[in-house]
Amino acid sequence: MKTNLRLAAMCAAILTADVTFAASAPTFLEPEEVAAVLADGQPWSALTPDGKTLKVTLKTDGTGSIRGPLPFTLSVTWAVNGQTLCIDGRMGKRCLRFSKVSGGLQGWDGNKPDLRFSR
């Protein structure tokens, strides 16, 4: 009897965890919608996963700039690529999906949070 109760409790815990995880999965925006929001020519604060803050400006013509911990501004280009918005510059290329968050947009690299844009 004790084994059945333990097994029932474990099953309930697993099912609850699955429902909770499914409810917390981000709802991704269409990349064209993200581009329309981010590429307005005004600077955004972007928080990196390691805690650095960048100033990112994207323009409608597919260009932009990033200022950050380095003492100079980097030029970047951006484009919609499939279901992602890709930002490409000298320091590499990031292709992210985005979800809405309070005050801005959260970028996702696969299932990991990446750049978080806010104003």
PDB file of N, CA and C in Angstrom:
ATOM      1  N   MET A   1       0.814  -1.199   0.000  1.00  0.00           N
ATOM      2  CA  MET A   1       0.000   0.000   0.000  1.00  0.00           C
ATOM      3  C   MET A   1       0.855   1.260   0.000  1.00  0.00           C
ATOM      4  N   LYS A   2       1.918   1.271   0.834  1.00  0.00           N
ATOM      5  CA  LYS A   2       2.798   2.436   0.892  1.00  0.00           C
ATOM      6  C   LYS A   2       3.467   2.680  -0.459  1.00  0.00           C
ATOM      7  N   THR A   3       3.836   1.578  -1.139  1.00  0.00           N
ATOM      8  CA  THR A   3       4.478   1.700  -2.442  1.00  0.00           C
ATOM      9  C   THR A   3       3.525   2.339  -3.442  1.00  0.00           C
ATOM     10  N   ASN A   4       2.263   1.951  -3.428  1.00  0.00           N
ATOM     11  CA  ASN A   4       1.278   2.525  -4.344  1.00  0.00           C
ATOM     12  C   ASN A   4       1.086   4.013  -4.083  1.00  0.00           C
ATOM     13  N   LEU A   5       1.067   4.406  -2.804  1.00  0.00           N
ATOM     14  CA  LEU A   5       0.918   5.833  -2.481  1.00  0.00           C
ATOM     15  C   LEU A   5       2.136   6.626  -2.948  1.00  0.00           C
ATOM     16  N   ARG A   6       3.326   6.059  -2.740  1.00  0.00           N
ATOM     17  CA  ARG A   6       4.551   6.739  -3.192  1.00  0.00           C
ATOM     18  C   ARG A   6       4.563   6.868  -4.717  1.00  0.00           C
ATOM     19  N   LEU A   7       4.194   5.782  -5.389  1.00  0.00           N
ATOM     20  CA  LEU A   7       4.158   5.792  -6.849  1.00  0.00           C
ATOM     21  C   LEU A   7       3.142   6.814  -7.350  1.00  0.00           C
ATOM     22  N   ALA A   8       1.985   6.880  -6.731  1.00  0.00           N
ATOM     23  CA  ALA A   8       0.960   7.855  -7.113  1.00  0.00           C
ATOM     24  C   ALA A   8       1.456   9.278  -6.883  1.00  0.00           C
ATOM     25  N   ALA A   9       2.144   9.508  -5.773  1.00  0.00           N
ATOM     26  CA  ALA A   9       2.676  10.850  -5.478  1.00  0.00           C
ATOM     27  C   ALA A   9       3.743  11.239  -6.494  1.00  0.00           C
ATOM     28  N   MET A  10       4.613  10.276  -6.869  1.00  0.00           N
ATOM     29  CA  MET A  10       5.649  10.575  -7.855  1.00  0.00           C
ATOM     30  C   MET A  10       5.036  10.890  -9.217  1.00  0.00           C
ATOM     31  N   CYS A  11       4.031  10.134  -9.604  1.00  0.00           N
ATOM     32  CA  CYS A  11       3.360  10.380 -10.882  1.00  0.00           C
ATOM     33  C   CYS A  11       2.702  11.755 -10.895  1.00  0.00           C
ATOM     34  N   ALA A  12       2.065  12.107  -9.808  1.00  0.00           N
ATOM     35  CA  ALA A  12       1.424  13.425  -9.715  1.00  0.00           C
ATOM     36  C   ALA A  12       2.462  14.529  -9.810  1.00  0.00           C
ATOM     37  N   ALA A  13       3.607  14.361  -9.153  1.00  0.00           N
ATOM     38  CA  ALA A  13       4.668  15.372  -9.205  1.00  0.00           C
ATOM     39  C   ALA A  13       5.214  15.522 -10.616  1.00  0.00           C
ATOM     40  N   ILE A  14       5.398  14.400 -11.301  1.00  0.00           N
ATOM     41  CA  ILE A  14       5.916  14.454 -12.677  1.00  0.00           C
ATOM     42  C   ILE A  14       4.910  15.137 -13.600  1.00  0.00           C
ATOM     43  N   LEU A  15       3.653  14.788 -13.495  1.00  0.00           N
ATOM     44  CA  LEU A  15       2.628  15.403 -14.333  1.00  0.00           C
ATOM     45  C   LEU A  15       2.515  16.895 -14.059  1.00  0.00           C
ATOM     46  N   THR A  16       2.588  17.290 -12.805  1.00  0.00           N
ATOM     47  CA  THR A  16       2.529  18.709 -12.457  1.00  0.00           C
ATOM     48  C   THR A  16       3.721  19.450 -13.036  1.00  0.00           C
ATOM     49  N   ALA A  17       4.896  18.847 -12.962  1.00  0.00           N
ATOM     50  CA  ALA A  17       6.102  19.482 -13.512  1.00  0.00           C
ATOM     51  C   ALA A  17       5.977  19.646 -15.018  1.00  0.00           C
ATOM     52  N   ASP A  18       5.457  18.641 -15.725  1.00  0.00           N
ATOM     53  CA  ASP A  18       5.285  18.738 -17.180  1.00  0.00           C
ATOM     54  C   ASP A  18       4.318  19.850 -17.549  1.00  0.00           C
ATOM     55  N   VAL A  19       3.217  19.968 -16.834  1.00  0.00           N
ATOM     56  CA  VAL A  19       2.235  21.019 -17.111  1.00  0.00           C
ATOM     57  C   VAL A  19       2.847  22.383 -16.835  1.00  0.00           C
ATOM     58  N   THR A  20       3.600  22.513 -15.738  1.00  0.00           N
ATOM     59  CA  THR A  20       4.240  23.779 -15.395  1.00  0.00           C
ATOM     60  C   THR A  20       5.255  24.168 -16.456  1.00  0.00           C
ATOM     61  N   PHE A  21       6.071  23.208 -16.912  1.00  0.00           N
ATOM     62  CA  PHE A  21       7.067  23.500 -17.927  1.00  0.00           C
ATOM     63  C   PHE A  21       6.401  23.932 -19.222  1.00  0.00           C
ATOM     64  N   ALA A  22       5.353  23.248 -19.635  1.00  0.00           N
ATOM     65  CA  ALA A  22       4.653  23.596 -20.874  1.00  0.00           C
ATOM     66  C   ALA A  22       4.048  24.990 -20.778  1.00  0.00           C
ATOM     67  N   ALA A  23       3.534  25.351 -19.602  1.00  0.00           N
ATOM     68  CA  ALA A  23       2.927  26.669 -19.432  1.00  0.00           C
ATOM     69  C   ALA A  23       3.973  27.772 -19.466  1.00  0.00           C
ATOM     70  N   SER A  24       5.231  27.466 -19.085  1.00  0.00           N
ATOM     71  CA  SER A  24       6.247  28.504 -19.032  1.00  0.00           C
ATOM     72  C   SER A  24       7.052  28.610 -20.328  1.00  0.00           C
ATOM     73  N   ALA A  25       6.830  27.740 -21.296  1.00  0.00           N
ATOM     74  CA  ALA A  25       7.540  27.820 -22.567  1.00  0.00           C
ATOM     75  C   ALA A  25       7.170  29.126 -23.262  1.00  0.00           C
ATOM     76  N   PRO A  26       8.165  29.837 -23.805  1.00  0.00           N
ATOM     77  CA  PRO A  26       7.875  31.132 -24.424  1.00  0.00           C
ATOM     78  C   PRO A  26       7.031  31.003 -25.687  1.00  0.00           C
ATOM     79  N   THR A  27       6.228  32.007 -25.930  1.00  0.00           N
ATOM     80  CA  THR A  27       5.485  32.117 -27.183  1.00  0.00           C
ATOM     81  C   THR A  27       6.293  33.062 -28.061  1.00  0.00           C
ATOM     82  N   PHE A  28       6.811  32.536 -29.147  1.00  0.00           N
ATOM     83  CA  PHE A  28       7.684  33.333 -30.002  1.00  0.00           C
ATOM     84  C   PHE A  28       6.883  34.223 -30.945  1.00  0.00           C
ATOM     85  N   LEU A  29       7.422  35.413 -31.170  1.00  0.00           N
ATOM     86  CA  LEU A  29       6.844  36.374 -32.104  1.00  0.00           C
ATOM     87  C   LEU A  29       7.351  36.074 -33.506  1.00  0.00           C
ATOM     88  N   GLU A  30       6.611  36.529 -34.494  1.00  0.00           N
ATOM     89  CA  GLU A  30       7.081  36.421 -35.873  1.00  0.00           C
ATOM     90  C   GLU A  30       8.294  37.342 -36.041  1.00  0.00           C
ATOM     91  N   PRO A  31       9.329  36.917 -36.760  1.00  0.00           N
ATOM     92  CA  PRO A  31      10.539  37.730 -36.882  1.00  0.00           C
ATOM     93  C   PRO A  31      10.289  39.087 -37.546  1.00  0.00           C
ATOM     94  N   GLU A  32       9.313  39.159 -38.447  1.00  0.00           N
ATOM     95  CA  GLU A  32       8.997  40.454 -39.071  1.00  0.00           C
ATOM     96  C   GLU A  32       8.425  41.433 -38.041  1.00  0.00           C
ATOM     97  N   GLU A  33       7.657  40.913 -37.099  1.00  0.00           N
ATOM     98  CA  GLU A  33       7.113  41.743 -36.025  1.00  0.00           C
ATOM     99  C   GLU A  33       8.237  42.246 -35.118  1.00  0.00           C
ATOM    100  N   VAL A  34       9.183  41.371 -34.813  1.00  0.00           N
ATOM    101  CA  VAL A  34      10.342  41.741 -33.996  1.00  0.00           C
ATOM    102  C   VAL A  34      11.152  42.822 -34.707  1.00  0.00           C
ATOM    103  N   ALA A  35      11.384  42.639 -36.006  1.00  0.00           N
ATOM    104  CA  ALA A  35      12.150  43.614 -36.787  1.00  0.00           C
ATOM    105  C   ALA A  35      11.467  44.972 -36.777  1.00  0.00           C
ATOM    106  N   ALA A  36      10.141  44.986 -36.897  1.00  0.00           N
ATOM    107  CA  ALA A  36       9.407  46.259 -36.892  1.00  0.00           C
ATOM    108  C   ALA A  36       9.553  46.980 -35.558  1.00  0.00           C
ATOM    109  N   VAL A  37       9.667  46.241 -34.481  1.00  0.00           N
ATOM    110  CA  VAL A  37       9.822  46.855 -33.151  1.00  0.00           C
ATOM    111  C   VAL A  37      11.258  47.309 -32.923  1.00  0.00           C
ATOM    112  N   LEU A  38      12.225  46.419 -33.143  1.00  0.00           N
ATOM    113  CA  LEU A  38      13.616  46.725 -32.814  1.00  0.00           C
ATOM    114  C   LEU A  38      14.290  47.682 -33.793  1.00  0.00           C
ATOM    115  N   ALA A  39      13.919  47.622 -35.070  1.00  0.00           N
ATOM    116  CA  ALA A  39      14.614  48.413 -36.091  1.00  0.00           C
ATOM    117  C   ALA A  39      13.937  49.765 -36.284  1.00  0.00           C
ATOM    118  N   ASP A  40      13.867  50.549 -35.210  1.00  0.00           N
ATOM    119  CA  ASP A  40      13.244  51.873 -35.293  1.00  0.00           C
ATOM    120  C   ASP A  40      14.263  53.007 -35.261  1.00  0.00           C
ATOM    121  N   GLY A  41      15.557  52.659 -35.314  1.00  0.00           N
ATOM    122  CA  GLY A  41      16.599  53.681 -35.333  1.00  0.00           C
ATOM    123  C   GLY A  41      16.925  54.288 -33.979  1.00  0.00           C
ATOM    124  N   GLN A  42      16.267  53.838 -32.930  1.00  0.00           N
ATOM    125  CA  GLN A  42      16.516  54.345 -31.575  1.00  0.00           C
ATOM    126  C   GLN A  42      17.286  53.289 -30.779  1.00  0.00           C
ATOM    127  N   PRO A  43      18.159  53.735 -29.854  1.00  0.00           N
ATOM    128  CA  PRO A  43      18.951  52.761 -29.092  1.00  0.00           C
ATOM    129  C   PRO A  43      18.116  51.946 -28.108  1.00  0.00           C
ATOM    130  N   TRP A  44      18.438  50.670 -28.025  1.00  0.00           N
ATOM    131  CA  TRP A  44      17.855  49.739 -27.057  1.00  0.00           C
ATOM    132  C   TRP A  44      18.955  49.318 -26.093  1.00  0.00           C
ATOM    133  N   SER A  45      18.615  49.104 -24.850  1.00  0.00           N
ATOM    134  CA  SER A  45      19.532  48.464 -23.907  1.00  0.00           C
ATOM    135  C   SER A  45      19.370  46.968 -24.109  1.00  0.00           C
ATOM    136  N   ALA A  46      20.490  46.279 -24.263  1.00  0.00           N
ATOM    137  CA  ALA A  46      20.453  44.825 -24.427  1.00  0.00           C
ATOM    138  C   ALA A  46      21.320  44.209 -23.339  1.00  0.00           C
ATOM    139  N   LEU A  47      20.712  43.384 -22.520  1.00  0.00           N
ATOM    140  CA  LEU A  47      21.415  42.694 -21.446  1.00  0.00           C
ATOM    141  C   LEU A  47      21.860  41.331 -21.963  1.00  0.00           C
ATOM    142  N   THR A  48      23.163  41.055 -21.866  1.00  0.00           N
ATOM    143  CA  THR A  48      23.701  39.782 -22.333  1.00  0.00           C
ATOM    144  C   THR A  48      23.517  38.714 -21.246  1.00  0.00           C
ATOM    145  N   PRO A  49      23.610  37.442 -21.620  1.00  0.00           N
ATOM    146  CA  PRO A  49      23.457  36.386 -20.619  1.00  0.00           C
ATOM    147  C   PRO A  49      24.483  36.465 -19.486  1.00  0.00           C
ATOM    148  N   ASP A  50      25.665  37.034 -19.760  1.00  0.00           N
ATOM    149  CA  ASP A  50      26.675  37.137 -18.704  1.00  0.00           C
ATOM    150  C   ASP A  50      26.614  38.464 -17.941  1.00  0.00           C
ATOM    151  N   GLY A  51      25.545  39.246 -18.148  1.00  0.00           N
ATOM    152  CA  GLY A  51      25.321  40.446 -17.344  1.00  0.00           C
ATOM    153  C   GLY A  51      25.854  41.752 -17.902  1.00  0.00           C
ATOM    154  N   LYS A  52      26.441  41.738 -19.084  1.00  0.00           N
ATOM    155  CA  LYS A  52      26.923  42.983 -19.690  1.00  0.00           C
ATOM    156  C   LYS A  52      25.752  43.718 -20.338  1.00  0.00           C
ATOM    157  N   THR A  53      25.837  45.042 -20.342  1.00  0.00           N
ATOM    158  CA  THR A  53      24.803  45.854 -20.977  1.00  0.00           C
ATOM    159  C   THR A  53      25.369  46.465 -22.254  1.00  0.00           C
ATOM    160  N   LEU A  54      24.621  46.324 -23.330  1.00  0.00           N
ATOM    161  CA  LEU A  54      24.986  46.893 -24.625  1.00  0.00           C
ATOM    162  C   LEU A  54      23.938  47.907 -25.032  1.00  0.00           C
ATOM    163  N   LYS A  55      24.319  48.851 -25.880  1.00  0.00           N
ATOM    164  CA  LYS A  55      23.368  49.750 -26.535  1.00  0.00           C
ATOM    165  C   LYS A  55      23.318  49.326 -27.989  1.00  0.00           C
ATOM    166  N   VAL A  56      22.146  48.860 -28.406  1.00  0.00           N
ATOM    167  CA  VAL A  56      21.975  48.346 -29.765  1.00  0.00           C
ATOM    168  C   VAL A  56      21.001  49.239 -30.509  1.00  0.00           C
ATOM    169  N   THR A  57      21.413  49.695 -31.677  1.00  0.00           N
ATOM    170  CA  THR A  57      20.554  50.492 -32.546  1.00  0.00           C
ATOM    171  C   THR A  57      20.454  49.782 -33.887  1.00  0.00           C
ATOM    172  N   LEU A  58      19.223  49.469 -34.278  1.00  0.00           N
ATOM    173  CA  LEU A  58      18.977  48.834 -35.571  1.00  0.00           C
ATOM    174  C   LEU A  58      18.121  49.768 -36.415  1.00  0.00           C
ATOM    175  N   LYS A  59      18.484  49.898 -37.693  1.00  0.00           N
ATOM    176  CA  LYS A  59      17.754  50.763 -38.617  1.00  0.00           C
ATOM    177  C   LYS A  59      16.972  49.912 -39.617  1.00  0.00           C
ATOM    178  N   THR A  60      15.955  50.517 -40.215  1.00  0.00           N
ATOM    179  CA  THR A  60      15.091  49.782 -41.150  1.00  0.00           C
ATOM    180  C   THR A  60      15.825  49.303 -42.397  1.00  0.00           C
ATOM    181  N   ASP A  61      16.973  49.907 -42.720  1.00  0.00           N
ATOM    182  CA  ASP A  61      17.703  49.504 -43.931  1.00  0.00           C
ATOM    183  C   ASP A  61      18.588  48.277 -43.724  1.00  0.00           C
ATOM    184  N   GLY A  62      18.516  47.631 -42.545  1.00  0.00           N
ATOM    185  CA  GLY A  62      19.299  46.428 -42.293  1.00  0.00           C
ATOM    186  C   GLY A  62      20.677  46.683 -41.705  1.00  0.00           C
ATOM    187  N   THR A  63      20.933  47.915 -41.289  1.00  0.00           N
ATOM    188  CA  THR A  63      22.211  48.247 -40.655  1.00  0.00           C
ATOM    189  C   THR A  63      21.961  48.619 -39.198  1.00  0.00           C
ATOM    190  N   GLY A  64      23.048  48.843 -38.481  1.00  0.00           N
ATOM    191  CA  GLY A  64      22.913  49.253 -37.093  1.00  0.00           C
ATOM    192  C   GLY A  64      24.261  49.349 -36.417  1.00  0.00           C
ATOM    193  N   SER A  65      24.221  49.488 -35.089  1.00  0.00           N
ATOM    194  CA  SER A  65      25.453  49.595 -34.316  1.00  0.00           C
ATOM    195  C   SER A  65      25.245  49.023 -32.920  1.00  0.00           C
ATOM    196  N   ILE A  66      26.374  48.633 -32.334  1.00  0.00           N
ATOM    197  CA  ILE A  66      26.377  48.133 -30.956  1.00  0.00           C
ATOM    198  C   ILE A  66      27.494  48.840 -30.207  1.00  0.00           C
ATOM    199  N   ARG A  67      27.130  49.419 -29.070  1.00  0.00           N
ATOM    200  CA  ARG A  67      28.119  49.992 -28.146  1.00  0.00           C
ATOM    201  C   ARG A  67      28.038  49.178 -26.869  1.00  0.00           C
ATOM    202  N   GLY A  68      29.183  48.897 -26.300  1.00  0.00           N
ATOM    203  CA  GLY A  68      29.149  48.077 -25.093  1.00  0.00           C
ATOM    204  C   GLY A  68      30.344  48.294 -24.222  1.00  0.00           C
ATOM    205  N   PRO A  69      30.805  47.217 -23.622  1.00  0.00           N
ATOM    206  CA  PRO A  69      31.918  47.351 -22.693  1.00  0.00           C
ATOM    207  C   PRO A  69      33.212  47.787 -23.375  1.00  0.00           C
ATOM    208  N   LEU A  70      33.327  47.572 -24.680  1.00  0.00           N
ATOM    209  CA  LEU A  70      34.515  48.041 -25.403  1.00  0.00           C
ATOM    210  C   LEU A  70      34.381  49.540 -25.676  1.00  0.00           C
ATOM    211  N   PRO A  71      35.483  50.267 -25.771  1.00  0.00           N
ATOM    212  CA  PRO A  71      35.409  51.733 -25.909  1.00  0.00           C
ATOM    213  C   PRO A  71      35.116  52.235 -27.323  1.00  0.00           C
ATOM    214  N   PHE A  72      34.525  51.414 -28.163  1.00  0.00           N
ATOM    215  CA  PHE A  72      34.210  51.846 -29.525  1.00  0.00           C
ATOM    216  C   PHE A  72      32.881  51.229 -29.956  1.00  0.00           C
ATOM    217  N   THR A  73      32.321  51.775 -31.034  1.00  0.00           N
ATOM    218  CA  THR A  73      31.049  51.314 -31.570  1.00  0.00           C
ATOM    219  C   THR A  73      31.307  50.348 -32.718  1.00  0.00           C
ATOM    220  N   LEU A  74      30.587  49.237 -32.721  1.00  0.00           N
ATOM    221  CA  LEU A  74      30.703  48.254 -33.790  1.00  0.00           C
ATOM    222  C   LEU A  74      29.531  48.400 -34.751  1.00  0.00           C
ATOM    223  N   SER A  75      29.818  48.352 -36.036  1.00  0.00           N
ATOM    224  CA  SER A  75      28.758  48.352 -37.049  1.00  0.00           C
ATOM    225  C   SER A  75      28.253  46.925 -37.221  1.00  0.00           C
ATOM    226  N   VAL A  76      26.937  46.792 -37.412  1.00  0.00           N
ATOM    227  CA  VAL A  76      26.323  45.485 -37.617  1.00  0.00           C
ATOM    228  C   VAL A  76      25.339  45.574 -38.775  1.00  0.00           C
ATOM    229  N   THR A  77      24.970  44.421 -39.274  1.00  0.00           N
ATOM    230  CA  THR A  77      23.849  44.302 -40.202  1.00  0.00           C
ATOM    231  C   THR A  77      22.878  43.322 -39.559  1.00  0.00           C
ATOM    232  N   TRP A  78      21.635  43.409 -39.980  1.00  0.00           N
ATOM    233  CA  TRP A  78      20.629  42.492 -39.456  1.00  0.00           C
ATOM    234  C   TRP A  78      19.696  42.086 -40.589  1.00  0.00           C
ATOM    235  N   ALA A  79      19.083  40.917 -40.436  1.00  0.00           N
ATOM    236  CA  ALA A  79      18.132  40.417 -41.430  1.00  0.00           C
ATOM    237  C   ALA A  79      17.263  39.336 -40.798  1.00  0.00           C
ATOM    238  N   VAL A  80      16.072  39.202 -41.333  1.00  0.00           N
ATOM    239  CA  VAL A  80      15.198  38.090 -40.953  1.00  0.00           C
ATOM    240  C   VAL A  80      15.693  36.871 -41.716  1.00  0.00           C
ATOM    241  N   ASN A  81      15.882  35.769 -40.994  1.00  0.00           N
ATOM    242  CA  ASN A  81      16.345  34.528 -41.607  1.00  0.00           C
ATOM    243  C   ASN A  81      15.469  33.396 -41.072  1.00  0.00           C
ATOM    244  N   GLY A  82      14.483  32.985 -41.873  1.00  0.00           N
ATOM    245  CA  GLY A  82      13.547  31.956 -41.417  1.00  0.00           C
ATOM    246  C   GLY A  82      12.710  32.475 -40.263  1.00  0.00           C
ATOM    247  N   GLN A  83      12.759  31.801 -39.133  1.00  0.00           N
ATOM    248  CA  GLN A  83      12.000  32.204 -37.945  1.00  0.00           C
ATOM    249  C   GLN A  83      12.833  33.023 -36.966  1.00  0.00           C
ATOM    250  N   THR A  84      14.019  33.475 -37.403  1.00  0.00           N
ATOM    251  CA  THR A  84      14.904  34.221 -36.511  1.00  0.00           C
ATOM    252  C   THR A  84      15.235  35.593 -37.080  1.00  0.00           C
ATOM    253  N   LEU A  85      15.708  36.458 -36.193  1.00  0.00           N
ATOM    254  CA  LEU A  85      16.290  37.741 -36.580  1.00  0.00           C
ATOM    255  C   LEU A  85      17.782  37.593 -36.307  1.00  0.00           C
ATOM    256  N   CYS A  86      18.594  37.764 -37.343  1.00  0.00           N
ATOM    257  CA  CYS A  86      20.039  37.583 -37.218  1.00  0.00           C
ATOM    258  C   CYS A  86      20.738  38.937 -37.188  1.00  0.00           C
ATOM    259  N   ILE A  87      21.636  39.107 -36.235  1.00  0.00           N
ATOM    260  CA  ILE A  87      22.471  40.305 -36.121  1.00  0.00           C
ATOM    261  C   ILE A  87      23.899  39.854 -36.366  1.00  0.00           C
ATOM    262  N   ASP A  88      24.544  40.479 -37.354  1.00  0.00           N
ATOM    263  CA  ASP A  88      25.861  40.041 -37.803  1.00  0.00           C
ATOM    264  C   ASP A  88      26.844  41.199 -37.712  1.00  0.00           C
ATOM    265  N   GLY A  89      27.973  40.950 -37.071  1.00  0.00           N
ATOM    266  CA  GLY A  89      29.012  41.969 -36.952  1.00  0.00           C
ATOM    267  C   GLY A  89      30.377  41.324 -36.819  1.00  0.00           C
ATOM    268  N   ARG A  90      31.380  42.135 -36.564  1.00  0.00           N
ATOM    269  CA  ARG A  90      32.750  41.645 -36.443  1.00  0.00           C
ATOM    270  C   ARG A  90      32.927  40.627 -35.317  1.00  0.00           C
ATOM    271  N   MET A  91      32.112  40.718 -34.292  1.00  0.00           N
ATOM    272  CA  MET A  91      32.248  39.834 -33.136  1.00  0.00           C
ATOM    273  C   MET A  91      31.442  38.542 -33.311  1.00  0.00           C
ATOM    274  N   GLY A  92      30.812  38.361 -34.459  1.00  0.00           N
ATOM    275  CA  GLY A  92      30.070  37.128 -34.710  1.00  0.00           C
ATOM    276  C   GLY A  92      28.642  37.408 -35.141  1.00  0.00           C
ATOM    277  N   LYS A  93      27.902  36.325 -35.293  1.00  0.00           N
ATOM    278  CA  LYS A  93      26.525  36.404 -35.756  1.00  0.00           C
ATOM    279  C   LYS A  93      25.630  35.706 -34.743  1.00  0.00           C
ATOM    280  N   ARG A  94      24.515  36.359 -34.420  1.00  0.00           N
ATOM    281  CA  ARG A  94      23.518  35.768 -33.526  1.00  0.00           C
ATOM    282  C   ARG A  94      22.182  35.747 -34.239  1.00  0.00           C
ATOM    283  N   CYS A  95      21.584  34.574 -34.310  1.00  0.00           N
ATOM    284  CA  CYS A  95      20.246  34.416 -34.880  1.00  0.00           C
ATOM    285  C   CYS A  95      19.328  33.995 -33.741  1.00  0.00           C
ATOM    286  N   LEU A  96      18.370  34.845 -33.405  1.00  0.00           N
ATOM    287  CA  LEU A  96      17.534  34.638 -32.228  1.00  0.00           C
ATOM    288  C   LEU A  96      16.061  34.669 -32.575  1.00  0.00           C
ATOM    289  N   ARG A  97      15.279  33.967 -31.764  1.00  0.00           N
ATOM    290  CA  ARG A  97      13.822  34.093 -31.760  1.00  0.00           C
ATOM    291  C   ARG A  97      13.495  34.967 -30.561  1.00  0.00           C
ATOM    292  N   PHE A  98      12.331  35.609 -30.584  1.00  0.00           N
ATOM    293  CA  PHE A  98      12.001  36.558 -29.525  1.00  0.00           C
ATOM    294  C   PHE A  98      10.618  36.310 -28.935  1.00  0.00           C
ATOM    295  N   SER A  99      10.509  36.606 -27.648  1.00  0.00           N
ATOM    296  CA  SER A  99       9.222  36.594 -26.955  1.00  0.00           C
ATOM    297  C   SER A  99       9.060  37.935 -26.258  1.00  0.00           C
ATOM    298  N   LYS A 100       7.795  38.316 -26.000  1.00  0.00           N
ATOM    299  CA  LYS A 100       7.529  39.556 -25.278  1.00  0.00           C
ATOM    300  C   LYS A 100       7.791  39.343 -23.802  1.00  0.00           C
ATOM    301  N   VAL A 101       8.394  40.355 -23.187  1.00  0.00           N
ATOM    302  CA  VAL A 101       8.574  40.385 -21.740  1.00  0.00           C
ATOM    303  C   VAL A 101       8.240  41.790 -21.266  1.00  0.00           C
ATOM    304  N   SER A 102       8.088  41.949 -19.990  1.00  0.00           N
ATOM    305  CA  SER A 102       7.781  43.265 -19.438  1.00  0.00           C
ATOM    306  C   SER A 102       8.874  44.251 -19.837  1.00  0.00           C
ATOM    307  N   GLY A 103       8.500  45.310 -20.525  1.00  0.00           N
ATOM    308  CA  GLY A 103       9.441  46.356 -20.900  1.00  0.00           C
ATOM    309  C   GLY A 103      10.246  46.099 -22.157  1.00  0.00           C
ATOM    310  N   GLY A 104       9.999  44.998 -22.874  1.00  0.00           N
ATOM    311  CA  GLY A 104      10.786  44.771 -24.076  1.00  0.00           C
ATOM    312  C   GLY A 104      10.623  43.397 -24.675  1.00  0.00           C
ATOM    313  N   LEU A 105      11.744  42.865 -25.194  1.00  0.00           N
ATOM    314  CA  LEU A 105      11.760  41.579 -25.888  1.00  0.00           C
ATOM    315  C   LEU A 105      12.907  40.721 -25.364  1.00  0.00           C
ATOM    316  N   GLN A 106      12.638  39.440 -25.184  1.00  0.00           N
ATOM    317  CA  GLN A 106      13.659  38.480 -24.769  1.00  0.00           C
ATOM    318  C   GLN A 106      14.073  37.655 -25.970  1.00  0.00           C
ATOM    319  N   GLY A 107      15.371  37.682 -26.289  1.00  0.00           N
ATOM    320  CA  GLY A 107      15.899  36.857 -27.370  1.00  0.00           C
ATOM    321  C   GLY A 107      16.228  35.467 -26.855  1.00  0.00           C
ATOM    322  N   TRP A 108      16.038  34.472 -27.706  1.00  0.00           N
ATOM    323  CA  TRP A 108      16.289  33.079 -27.354  1.00  0.00           C
ATOM    324  C   TRP A 108      17.204  32.440 -28.381  1.00  0.00           C
ATOM    325  N   ASP A 109      18.240  31.790 -27.919  1.00  0.00           N
ATOM    326  CA  ASP A 109      19.126  30.990 -28.753  1.00  0.00           C
ATOM    327  C   ASP A 109      18.754  29.539 -28.484  1.00  0.00           C
ATOM    328  N   GLY A 110      17.894  28.979 -29.336  1.00  0.00           N
ATOM    329  CA  GLY A 110      17.335  27.658 -29.063  1.00  0.00           C
ATOM    330  C   GLY A 110      16.404  27.759 -27.869  1.00  0.00           C
ATOM    331  N   ASN A 111      16.694  27.011 -26.809  1.00  0.00           N
ATOM    332  CA  ASN A 111      15.862  27.081 -25.614  1.00  0.00           C
ATOM    333  C   ASN A 111      16.538  27.848 -24.481  1.00  0.00           C
ATOM    334  N   LYS A 112      17.634  28.565 -24.790  1.00  0.00           N
ATOM    335  CA  LYS A 112      18.350  29.346 -23.784  1.00  0.00           C
ATOM    336  C   LYS A 112      18.070  30.832 -23.983  1.00  0.00           C
ATOM    337  N   PRO A 113      17.767  31.562 -22.890  1.00  0.00           N
ATOM    338  CA  PRO A 113      17.613  33.010 -23.014  1.00  0.00           C
ATOM    339  C   PRO A 113      18.937  33.641 -23.428  1.00  0.00           C
ATOM    340  N   ASP A 114      18.866  34.633 -24.291  1.00  0.00           N
ATOM    341  CA  ASP A 114      20.061  35.319 -24.787  1.00  0.00           C
ATOM    342  C   ASP A 114      19.884  36.806 -24.536  1.00  0.00           C
ATOM    343  N   LEU A 115      20.042  37.638 -25.541  1.00  0.00           N
ATOM    344  CA  LEU A 115      19.920  39.086 -25.378  1.00  0.00           C
ATOM    345  C   LEU A 115      18.511  39.480 -24.963  1.00  0.00           C
ATOM    346  N   ARG A 116      18.420  40.377 -23.986  1.00  0.00           N
ATOM    347  CA  ARG A 116      17.117  40.916 -23.541  1.00  0.00           C
ATOM    348  C   ARG A 116      17.107  42.410 -23.850  1.00  0.00           C
ATOM    349  N   PHE A 117      16.216  42.808 -24.756  1.00  0.00           N
ATOM    350  CA  PHE A 117      16.124  44.202 -25.200  1.00  0.00           C
ATOM    351  C   PHE A 117      15.063  44.945 -24.387  1.00  0.00           C
ATOM    352  N   SER A 118      15.422  46.159 -23.935  1.00  0.00           N
ATOM    353  CA  SER A 118      14.450  46.981 -23.192  1.00  0.00           C
ATOM    354  C   SER A 118      14.800  48.456 -23.392  1.00  0.00           C
ATOM    355  N   ARG A 119      13.822  49.276 -23.007  1.00  0.00           N
ATOM    356  CA  ARG A 119      14.024  50.739 -23.028  1.00  0.00           C
ATOM    357  C   ARG A 119      13.631  51.286 -21.687  1.00  0.00           C
TER     358      ARG A 119
END
